Amino acid sequence: MKIRRYSTGLLCGMAATLTVAAWPESAATAPDSAIHLYSAVYQVQYRGKNVGTMKFSVDYDAADNAYTFTSNSAVRGLLRILSPRPVVERSEFTSDAGEITPLEFWYEDGSRQGNENFHIQFDWDNGLAVAETSTERHEFAVPRGTLDRGTMQVQLMLDVARTGSLGSYTLADNDGLRTYQYHRDGDVQLETSLGVVETQAFVQQRAGSSRQTVLWTASELHHLPVRIEQKRNGETRAVFLLESVEWLGDD
């Protein structure tokens, strides 16, 4: 397996995770050439200060013919009081020609008690998702196109590569469905740890929410985000800056 590496020396170190299903009968029976396996590390800034690192990765299990997206973040300094353990999101999914079917999703909140941890299982035969915490269980219908927090990250990269644009995405979360709308915000040349990169900017907004996420994706990196900003009421709270990426299995 050939590994292509982009790196910038020392990595500063948080992270938090960010946030189209096909029916099971269309699931792939071989690796999907549209999916690029990778491991990427981001520097995380909160209110202008470096507070930790975040890692995104996509792996493939040939035995199960399934992919795993993982987001793993670790904070330092005073934030470790609230999150002494890594915050982890993990999605298992299949993909057929760039159309994703989520299978299971796990979230670990990074606290010692894990009060916000939850797990989602998708029952595509019955068009349902079952989300469970330590104290609650929610069962709800999932229409075509439903993703989870992890698979949405993968689907965004695939859709930008295929169409150059993003639209509306429905997400299964711990208590039901949420819909996010994306619009393109122009092309921007960014100075990054990997050098100057041409990017496409996209803004994520959920109806009625004061929160907004802006992504800058790079076509030369298979549309992996090189910069992510999380805003609230127009104020930038957290920034995620790509520090290094390894492409696994690419020629």
Protein backbone atom coordinates (compact mmCIF):
# COMPACT_ATOMS: atom_id res chain seq x y z
CA MET A 1 0.00 0.00 0.00
CA LYS A 2 1.42 3.30 -1.09
CA ILE A 3 1.24 6.23 1.32
CA ARG A 4 1.36 9.79 0.08
CA ARG A 5 2.30 12.17 2.89
CA TYR A 6 1.93 15.91 3.36
CA SER A 7 3.38 17.21 6.60
CA THR A 8 4.73 20.30 8.34
CA GLY A 9 6.95 19.21 11.15
CA LEU A 10 5.64 19.59 14.65
CA LEU A 11 1.91 19.32 15.19
CA CYS A 12 0.33 21.57 17.73
CA GLY A 13 -2.33 20.16 19.53
CA MET A 14 -8.14 19.56 20.20
CA ALA A 15 -10.72 18.87 18.83
CA ALA A 16 -14.25 18.32 18.55
CA THR A 17 -16.03 16.67 15.80
CA LEU A 18 -17.96 18.38 13.27
CA THR A 19 -20.85 16.86 11.77
CA VAL A 20 -26.58 9.75 0.59
CA ALA A 21 -27.78 6.90 2.05
CA ALA A 22 -28.77 4.29 -0.48
CA TRP A 23 -30.93 1.36 0.43
CA PRO A 24 -29.14 -1.82 1.49
CA GLU A 25 -29.83 -3.71 -1.70
CA SER A 26 -27.61 -1.21 -3.55
CA ALA A 27 -24.66 -1.63 -1.15
CA ALA A 28 -21.30 -2.16 -2.80
CA THR A 29 -19.73 -5.60 -3.06
CA ALA A 30 -16.21 -4.25 -3.66
CA PRO A 31 -14.20 -1.21 -2.56
CA ASP A 32 -15.66 2.02 -3.92
CA SER A 33 -13.09 3.85 -6.04
CA ALA A 34 -14.76 7.16 -5.12
CA ILE A 35 -13.65 6.78 -1.49
CA HIS A 36 -10.12 7.92 -0.62
CA LEU A 37 -8.60 6.48 2.55
CA TYR A 38 -6.70 8.99 4.63
CA SER A 39 -5.52 10.17 8.03
CA ALA A 40 -5.49 13.95 8.63
CA VAL A 41 -4.41 15.99 11.65
CA TYR A 42 -5.76 19.45 12.45
CA GLN A 43 -4.56 22.09 14.86
CA VAL A 44 -7.49 23.39 16.90
CA GLN A 45 -7.82 26.99 18.03
CA TYR A 46 -10.46 28.31 20.41
CA ARG A 47 -10.92 32.06 20.62
CA GLY A 48 -7.53 32.49 18.98
CA LYS A 49 -5.56 30.11 21.23
CA ASN A 50 -4.15 26.71 20.32
CA VAL A 51 -5.97 24.20 22.52
CA GLY A 52 -5.31 20.77 21.03
CA THR A 53 -5.49 18.52 17.98
CA MET A 54 -8.13 16.71 15.99
CA LYS A 55 -7.69 13.70 13.72
CA PHE A 56 -9.99 12.63 10.89
CA SER A 57 -9.51 9.25 9.23
CA VAL A 58 -11.24 6.91 6.79
CA ASP A 59 -10.31 3.20 6.79
CA TYR A 60 -11.61 0.19 4.89
CA ASP A 61 -12.23 -3.36 6.18
CA ALA A 62 -12.12 -5.77 3.24
CA ALA A 63 -13.53 -8.65 5.30
CA ASP A 64 -16.73 -6.73 6.05
CA ASN A 65 -16.64 -4.60 2.87
CA ALA A 66 -17.27 -1.59 5.11
CA TYR A 67 -15.61 1.74 5.82
CA THR A 68 -15.00 3.53 9.10
CA PHE A 69 -14.81 7.28 9.55
CA THR A 70 -13.26 8.35 12.87
CA SER A 71 -12.89 11.77 14.44
CA ASN A 72 -10.65 11.84 17.51
CA SER A 73 -9.87 15.01 19.42
CA ALA A 74 -7.76 15.79 22.45
CA VAL A 75 -7.59 19.05 24.37
CA ARG A 76 -4.97 20.44 26.69
CA GLY A 77 -4.69 23.08 29.39
CA LEU A 78 -7.76 24.07 31.37
CA LEU A 79 -10.12 22.45 28.83
CA ARG A 80 -8.92 19.05 30.02
CA ILE A 81 -10.96 19.61 33.19
CA LEU A 82 -14.12 19.36 31.09
CA SER A 83 -12.80 16.80 28.62
CA PRO A 84 -10.00 14.71 30.17
CA ARG A 85 -10.42 11.98 27.55
CA PRO A 86 -10.52 12.19 23.75
CA VAL A 87 -13.83 13.15 22.14
CA VAL A 88 -14.51 10.39 19.62
CA GLU A 89 -17.02 10.00 16.80
CA ARG A 90 -17.00 6.82 14.75
CA SER A 91 -19.17 5.84 11.78
CA GLU A 92 -19.33 2.51 10.00
CA PHE A 93 -20.76 2.64 6.48
CA THR A 94 -20.82 1.19 2.99
CA SER A 95 -20.51 3.11 -0.25
CA ASP A 96 -21.57 2.39 -3.81
CA ALA A 97 -20.36 4.83 -6.51
CA GLY A 98 -20.06 7.58 -3.92
CA GLU A 99 -23.50 7.03 -2.36
CA ILE A 100 -23.15 6.26 1.35
CA THR A 101 -25.20 3.97 3.57
CA PRO A 102 -24.50 4.48 7.30
CA LEU A 103 -24.64 1.33 9.43
CA GLU A 104 -23.69 2.41 12.98
CA PHE A 105 -22.48 5.55 14.75
CA TRP A 106 -20.83 6.02 18.16
CA TYR A 107 -20.17 9.24 20.09
CA GLU A 108 -17.98 9.52 23.21
CA ASP A 109 -18.09 12.94 24.90
CA GLY A 110 -14.60 12.85 26.48
CA SER A 111 -15.81 13.16 30.06
CA ARG A 112 -15.15 10.62 32.79
CA GLN A 113 -18.86 9.94 33.26
CA GLY A 114 -19.74 9.81 29.57
CA ASN A 115 -23.20 11.24 30.21
CA GLU A 116 -23.52 12.50 26.63
CA ASN A 117 -22.32 9.28 24.97
CA PHE A 118 -24.70 7.70 22.47
CA HIS A 119 -24.92 5.00 19.82
CA ILE A 120 -27.07 4.83 16.66
CA GLN A 121 -27.94 1.68 14.73
CA PHE A 122 -29.55 1.91 11.29
CA ASP A 123 -32.22 -0.65 10.36
CA TRP A 124 -32.55 -0.06 6.64
CA ASP A 125 -34.88 -3.03 6.11
CA ASN A 126 -37.47 -1.13 8.14
CA GLY A 127 -36.28 2.41 7.42
CA LEU A 128 -35.51 3.12 11.09
CA ALA A 129 -32.72 4.39 13.29
CA VAL A 130 -32.36 3.47 16.97
CA ALA A 131 -30.39 5.92 19.11
CA GLU A 132 -29.47 4.93 22.66
CA THR A 133 -27.81 6.68 25.59
CA SER A 134 -27.24 5.31 29.08
CA THR A 135 -30.74 6.47 30.05
CA GLU A 136 -32.80 6.92 26.88
CA ARG A 137 -33.78 5.17 23.69
CA HIS A 138 -35.17 6.91 20.60
CA GLU A 139 -36.51 5.14 17.53
CA PHE A 140 -37.37 7.19 14.45
CA ALA A 141 -37.90 6.83 10.72
CA VAL A 142 -34.94 7.61 8.43
CA PRO A 143 -35.73 8.55 4.82
CA ARG A 144 -33.39 8.14 1.89
CA GLY A 145 -30.38 10.39 2.10
CA THR A 146 -30.11 10.23 5.89
CA LEU A 147 -26.53 10.33 7.22
CA ASP A 148 -24.89 10.57 10.63
CA ARG A 149 -22.26 13.03 11.88
CA GLY A 150 -19.35 11.03 10.53
CA THR A 151 -20.71 9.91 7.18
CA MET A 152 -21.79 13.46 6.42
CA GLN A 153 -18.11 14.48 6.45
CA VAL A 154 -17.34 11.82 3.85
CA GLN A 155 -20.40 12.55 1.71
CA LEU A 156 -19.57 16.25 1.54
CA MET A 157 -16.14 15.52 0.05
CA LEU A 158 -17.67 13.12 -2.48
CA ASP A 159 -20.39 15.54 -3.55
CA VAL A 160 -18.04 18.49 -4.02
CA ALA A 161 -15.77 16.29 -6.14
CA ARG A 162 -18.70 15.10 -8.23
CA THR A 163 -20.80 18.25 -8.66
CA GLY A 164 -18.79 21.19 -7.28
CA SER A 165 -21.65 22.12 -4.98
CA LEU A 166 -23.45 21.09 -1.80
CA GLY A 167 -27.14 21.21 -0.91
CA SER A 168 -29.35 19.92 1.89
CA TYR A 169 -28.37 17.00 4.13
CA THR A 170 -30.48 15.14 6.69
CA LEU A 171 -28.62 13.89 9.75
CA ALA A 172 -29.67 11.26 12.31
CA ASP A 173 -28.60 12.41 15.76
CA ASN A 174 -29.13 11.21 19.32
CA ASP A 175 -32.76 12.39 19.49
CA GLY A 176 -34.01 12.51 15.91
CA LEU A 177 -33.38 14.09 12.52
CA ARG A 178 -31.70 17.41 11.74
CA THR A 179 -31.36 19.12 8.38
CA TYR A 180 -28.39 21.26 7.31
CA GLN A 181 -28.21 23.48 4.26
CA TYR A 182 -24.97 24.38 2.47
CA HIS A 183 -24.24 27.19 0.05
CA ARG A 184 -21.06 28.03 -1.81
CA ASP A 185 -19.24 31.18 -0.71
CA GLY A 186 -16.71 31.60 -3.50
CA ASP A 187 -13.19 30.42 -4.29
CA VAL A 188 -10.38 31.44 -1.96
CA GLN A 189 -6.60 31.04 -2.07
CA LEU A 190 -5.40 30.11 1.43
CA GLU A 191 -1.94 30.00 2.98
CA THR A 192 -1.81 26.69 4.85
CA SER A 193 0.75 24.48 6.53
CA LEU A 194 0.93 22.58 3.25
CA GLY A 195 1.59 25.73 1.25
CA VAL A 196 -0.72 27.96 -0.78
CA VAL A 197 -3.89 26.04 -1.67
CA GLU A 198 -6.83 26.89 -3.94
CA THR A 199 -10.05 26.25 -2.01
CA GLN A 200 -13.80 26.37 -2.36
CA ALA A 201 -15.67 27.85 0.61
CA PHE A 202 -19.01 26.42 1.79
CA VAL A 203 -21.26 27.69 4.59
CA GLN A 204 -23.32 25.24 6.68
CA GLN A 205 -26.48 26.52 8.36
CA ARG A 206 -29.29 24.81 10.22
CA ALA A 207 -32.65 26.57 10.08
CA GLY A 208 -33.33 28.52 13.26
CA SER A 209 -29.83 28.00 14.68
CA SER A 210 -27.39 30.76 15.64
CA ARG A 211 -24.50 28.43 14.81
CA GLN A 212 -22.75 28.35 11.47
CA THR A 213 -19.84 26.33 10.09
CA VAL A 214 -17.64 27.41 7.18
CA LEU A 215 -15.54 24.84 5.30
CA TRP A 216 -12.69 25.53 2.87
CA THR A 217 -12.10 22.41 0.75
CA ALA A 218 -9.17 21.79 -1.61
CA SER A 219 -9.60 19.93 -4.90
CA GLU A 220 -5.93 18.90 -4.90
CA LEU A 221 -6.61 17.08 -1.60
CA HIS A 222 -9.75 15.28 -2.82
CA HIS A 223 -11.80 18.14 -1.34
CA LEU A 224 -10.63 17.52 2.19
CA PRO A 225 -11.28 20.65 4.32
CA VAL A 226 -8.08 22.58 4.97
CA ARG A 227 -9.80 25.08 7.26
CA ILE A 228 -13.01 24.85 9.29
CA GLU A 229 -14.54 27.67 11.31
CA GLN A 230 -17.35 27.27 13.80
CA LYS A 231 -19.31 30.45 14.48
CA ARG A 232 -22.08 31.50 16.82
CA ASN A 233 -24.06 34.70 16.36
CA GLY A 234 -21.51 35.72 13.74
CA GLU A 235 -18.54 35.34 16.10
CA THR A 236 -15.82 32.80 15.31
CA ARG A 237 -15.40 30.41 18.25
CA ALA A 238 -13.28 27.51 16.99
CA VAL A 239 -10.94 27.13 14.02
CA PHE A 240 -9.53 23.85 12.70
CA LEU A 241 -6.39 24.12 10.54
CA LEU A 242 -5.06 21.18 8.52
CA GLU A 243 -1.51 20.32 9.59
CA SER A 244 -0.83 17.04 7.81
CA VAL A 245 -2.55 14.35 5.75
CA GLU A 246 -1.62 10.85 4.61
CA TRP A 247 -3.42 9.29 1.65
CA LEU A 248 -3.53 5.53 2.06
CA GLY A 249 -3.64 3.34 -1.01
CA ASP A 250 -3.68 6.12 -3.60
CA ASP A 251 -1.41 5.71 -6.61
